[in-house]
Amino acid sequence: WATTGRVDNVYGDRNLICTLLPVSEMAEEKAATA
């Protein structure tokens, strides 16, 4: 595997945090950039 930066070493590896934007915000960004 390729080396990657770790979020929080062992804690980050075992407790992954997903930071996804709400669908409404994504729609607003698409409208703003279109």
C-alpha atoms as a PDB file:
ATOM      1  CA  TRP A   1       0.000   0.000   0.000  1.00  0.00           C
ATOM      2  CA  ALA A   2       1.069   3.548  -0.619  1.00  0.00           C
ATOM      3  CA  THR A   3       1.967   5.645   2.397  1.00  0.00           C
ATOM      4  CA  THR A   4      -0.654   8.162   3.487  1.00  0.00           C
ATOM      5  CA  GLY A   5      -0.952  10.822   6.161  1.00  0.00           C
ATOM      6  CA  ARG A   6      -2.833   9.635   9.209  1.00  0.00           C
ATOM      7  CA  VAL A   7      -5.712  11.530  10.760  1.00  0.00           C
ATOM      8  CA  ASP A   8      -4.887  10.882  14.414  1.00  0.00           C
ATOM      9  CA  ASN A   9      -2.437   7.965  14.345  1.00  0.00           C
ATOM     10  CA  VAL A  10      -3.955   4.857  15.962  1.00  0.00           C
ATOM     11  CA  TYR A  11      -7.102   6.621  17.188  1.00  0.00           C
ATOM     12  CA  GLY A  12      -7.855   7.987  13.731  1.00  0.00           C
ATOM     13  CA  ASP A  13      -7.221   4.594  12.133  1.00  0.00           C
ATOM     14  CA  ARG A  14      -9.727   2.882  14.419  1.00  0.00           C
ATOM     15  CA  ASN A  15     -12.312   5.672  14.613  1.00  0.00           C
ATOM     16  CA  LEU A  16     -12.728   6.990  11.099  1.00  0.00           C
ATOM     17  CA  ILE A  17     -14.529  10.305  10.807  1.00  0.00           C
ATOM     18  CA  CYS A  18     -16.526  11.068   7.686  1.00  0.00           C
ATOM     19  CA  THR A  19     -16.905  14.761   6.866  1.00  0.00           C
ATOM     20  CA  LEU A  20     -19.459  14.920   4.082  1.00  0.00           C
ATOM     21  CA  LEU A  21     -21.434  18.052   3.284  1.00  0.00           C
ATOM     22  CA  PRO A  22     -25.225  17.920   3.408  1.00  0.00           C
ATOM     23  CA  VAL A  23     -26.883  17.444   0.022  1.00  0.00           C
ATOM     24  CA  SER A  24     -28.435  20.925   0.189  1.00  0.00           C
ATOM     25  CA  GLU A  25     -25.008  22.563   0.527  1.00  0.00           C
ATOM     26  CA  MET A  26     -23.634  20.561  -2.391  1.00  0.00           C
ATOM     27  CA  ALA A  27     -26.576  21.665  -4.540  1.00  0.00           C
ATOM     28  CA  GLU A  28     -25.954  25.308  -3.603  1.00  0.00           C
ATOM     29  CA  GLU A  29     -22.273  25.013  -4.501  1.00  0.00           C
ATOM     30  CA  LYS A  30     -23.123  23.479  -7.886  1.00  0.00           C
ATOM     31  CA  ALA A  31     -25.580  26.287  -8.597  1.00  0.00           C
ATOM     32  CA  ALA A  32     -23.012  28.909  -7.594  1.00  0.00           C
ATOM     33  CA  THR A  33     -20.261  27.477  -9.805  1.00  0.00           C
ATOM     34  CA  ALA A  34     -22.491  26.741 -12.818  1.00  0.00           C
END
